[in-house]
Protein backbone atom coordinates (compact mmCIF):
# COMPACT_ATOMS: atom_id res chain seq x y z
CA LYS A 1 66.33 141.91 36.53
CA HIS A 2 64.14 139.04 37.74
CA GLU A 3 67.18 136.73 37.94
CA ILE A 4 68.95 139.25 40.18
CA GLN A 5 65.94 139.42 42.48
CA ALA A 6 65.81 135.63 42.63
CA SER A 7 69.57 135.22 43.18
CA PRO A 8 71.03 138.53 44.35
CA ASN A 9 74.41 136.97 45.18
CA ARG A 10 75.06 135.67 41.66
CA LEU A 11 77.70 138.10 40.47
CA ASP A 12 77.76 136.60 36.98
CA VAL A 13 74.07 137.46 36.54
CA ARG A 14 74.64 141.02 37.76
CA GLU A 15 77.55 141.45 35.37
CA LYS A 16 75.52 140.19 32.40
CA TYR A 17 72.69 142.55 33.36
CA ALA A 18 75.17 145.43 33.51
CA ASP A 19 76.45 144.46 30.05
CA LEU A 20 72.88 144.64 28.78
CA LEU A 21 72.37 148.05 30.39
CA MET A 22 75.54 149.27 28.66
CA THR A 23 74.24 148.19 25.25
CA ASN A 24 71.05 150.16 25.97
CA GLY A 25 72.99 153.29 26.92
CA GLN A 26 72.00 153.13 30.60
CA TYR A 27 75.53 153.80 31.79
CA LEU A 28 74.85 154.93 35.36
CA LEU A 29 72.65 151.91 36.07
CA ALA A 30 75.31 149.66 34.54
CA ALA A 31 78.01 151.33 36.63
CA ASP A 32 76.02 150.59 39.77
CA GLU A 33 75.73 146.88 38.89
CA TYR A 34 79.41 146.67 37.92
CA ARG A 35 80.31 148.45 41.17
CA TYR A 36 78.35 145.85 43.16
CA VAL A 37 80.27 143.07 41.41
CA ALA A 38 83.61 144.80 42.09
CA ILE A 39 82.82 145.40 45.76
CA HIS A 40 81.99 141.72 46.19
CA SER A 41 85.10 140.59 44.28
CA PRO A 42 87.90 142.14 46.37
CA GLU A 43 90.36 139.53 45.12
CA GLN A 44 89.90 140.87 41.57
CA PRO A 45 90.60 144.61 41.61
CA SER A 46 90.45 144.71 37.81
CA LYS A 47 86.66 144.37 38.17
CA TRP A 48 86.68 148.14 38.89
CA LEU A 49 87.57 148.88 35.25
CA LYS A 50 84.03 148.17 34.04
CA PRO A 51 82.28 150.65 36.35
CA ALA A 52 85.00 153.19 35.53
CA HIS A 53 84.26 152.80 31.82
CA ALA A 54 80.52 153.10 32.41
CA PHE A 55 81.04 156.28 34.46
CA ASP A 56 83.20 157.66 31.63
CA LEU A 57 80.44 157.03 29.09
CA ALA A 58 77.91 158.64 31.45
CA GLY A 59 80.04 161.79 31.57
CA GLU A 60 81.05 161.29 35.20
CA LYS A 61 84.80 161.76 34.77
CA ASP A 62 85.57 162.35 38.47
CA LEU A 63 83.83 159.14 39.50
CA ALA A 64 85.46 157.24 36.62
CA ASP A 65 88.92 158.43 37.68
CA TYR A 66 88.25 157.56 41.33
CA VAL A 67 86.95 154.09 40.50
CA ARG A 68 89.75 153.43 38.00
CA LYS A 69 92.30 153.92 40.80
CA LEU A 70 90.66 151.07 42.70
CA ALA A 71 91.53 148.69 39.87
CA HIS A 72 95.21 149.24 40.60
CA GLU A 73 95.03 148.60 44.35
CA LYS A 74 96.29 145.34 45.76
CA PRO A 75 93.57 143.13 47.26
CA SER A 76 93.28 143.55 51.01
CA ALA A 77 91.96 141.32 53.72
CA PRO A 78 88.21 141.72 54.29
CA SER A 79 87.30 143.95 57.22
CA LYS A 80 84.24 143.99 59.42
CA GLY A 81 83.24 147.50 58.28
CA ALA A 82 82.11 148.67 54.89
CA HIS A 83 84.51 148.17 51.99
CA PRO A 84 86.37 151.48 51.50
CA ALA A 85 85.47 151.42 47.82
CA SER A 86 81.76 151.50 48.61
CA SER A 87 81.85 155.24 49.19
CA PRO A 88 82.15 157.80 46.40
CA PRO A 89 84.71 160.60 46.55
CA ALA A 90 83.89 163.54 48.82
CA GLY A 91 81.21 165.78 47.39
CA LYS A 92 79.74 163.12 45.11
CA PRO A 93 76.35 161.63 46.01
CA GLN A 94 75.91 157.90 45.68
């Protein structure tokens, strides 16, 4: 966690931290870290598979299904607004 605070833009550190959270059974926290990595890696839509798996293990099937769909989208050009994948499906709090 300290490494993330020191270098918040290091996606590799965030992903390793999420892996650690997964091994400790902290699936929702891991999903959040994996989601951050996926949002900041739009050229690699397959990065969405890890948060989808974490949501599955946390029992959040609707979120897992939603996020899994993002892994199959083609990369798009960055926009000035928020990434569309940064919002959960309607009715689901972030």
